Amino acid sequence: MAKIIENLNGRRIIRLNSNDIINIVREYQNITSGLFDYNAIRQKLDITDLYLPEDIN
């Protein structure tokens, strides 16, 4: 799961593991299936919400 990491400058970063990356790519492929035009893909992604679950320790 994605893990939010606080740093000393106040800006947070998100650490992704290999499963997170594979899930993002899988979602991208599902969302853009059948689309071949760059602008059509961008328009589809612009209206799509993607979420990463946070790792809670």
Protein backbone atom coordinates (compact mmCIF):
# COMPACT_ATOMS: atom_id res chain seq x y z
CA MET A 1 0.00 0.00 0.00
CA ALA A 2 1.06 3.57 -0.56
CA LYS A 3 2.76 5.18 2.40
CA ILE A 4 2.80 8.92 3.00
CA ILE A 5 6.18 10.10 4.24
CA GLU A 6 6.60 13.44 5.99
CA ASN A 7 9.86 15.27 5.43
CA LEU A 8 11.57 18.11 7.29
CA ASN A 9 10.57 20.74 4.71
CA GLY A 10 6.85 20.13 5.24
CA ARG A 11 6.31 18.53 1.85
CA ARG A 12 4.97 14.99 1.90
CA ILE A 13 5.88 12.26 -0.56
CA ILE A 14 4.16 8.99 -1.30
CA ARG A 15 6.12 5.74 -1.38
CA LEU A 16 4.74 3.13 -3.76
CA ASN A 17 5.58 -0.54 -3.77
CA SER A 18 5.58 -2.77 -6.84
CA ASN A 19 1.95 -3.83 -6.26
CA ASP A 20 0.85 -0.17 -6.18
CA ILE A 21 2.56 0.47 -9.50
CA ILE A 22 1.11 -2.65 -11.11
CA ASN A 23 -2.37 -1.67 -9.88
CA ILE A 24 -2.00 1.83 -11.33
CA VAL A 25 -0.91 0.44 -14.70
CA ARG A 26 -3.77 -2.09 -14.64
CA GLU A 27 -6.30 0.67 -13.90
CA TYR A 28 -4.83 2.82 -16.68
CA GLN A 29 -5.13 -0.06 -19.14
CA ASN A 30 -8.73 -0.75 -18.10
CA ILE A 31 -9.72 2.91 -18.31
CA THR A 32 -8.08 3.55 -21.68
CA SER A 33 -8.99 0.24 -23.32
CA GLY A 34 -9.95 0.81 -26.94
CA LEU A 35 -8.67 4.41 -27.00
CA PHE A 36 -5.75 5.15 -29.29
CA ASP A 37 -5.84 8.93 -29.63
CA TYR A 38 -3.73 10.86 -27.11
CA ASN A 39 -6.41 13.53 -26.62
CA ALA A 40 -9.14 10.95 -26.09
CA ILE A 41 -7.00 9.20 -23.47
CA ARG A 42 -6.30 12.52 -21.71
CA GLN A 43 -10.00 13.43 -21.71
CA LYS A 44 -10.93 10.04 -20.25
CA LEU A 45 -8.25 10.29 -17.54
CA ASP A 46 -9.25 13.89 -16.72
CA ILE A 47 -12.71 12.73 -15.63
CA THR A 48 -11.49 9.61 -13.83
CA ASP A 49 -10.59 9.56 -10.14
CA LEU A 50 -7.80 7.20 -9.11
CA TYR A 51 -7.04 6.50 -5.46
CA LEU A 52 -4.16 4.89 -3.60
CA PRO A 53 -4.92 3.29 -0.25
CA GLU A 54 -2.70 4.62 2.52
CA ASP A 55 -0.68 2.25 4.67
CA ILE A 56 -1.66 2.93 8.27
CA ASN A 57 0.82 1.84 10.90
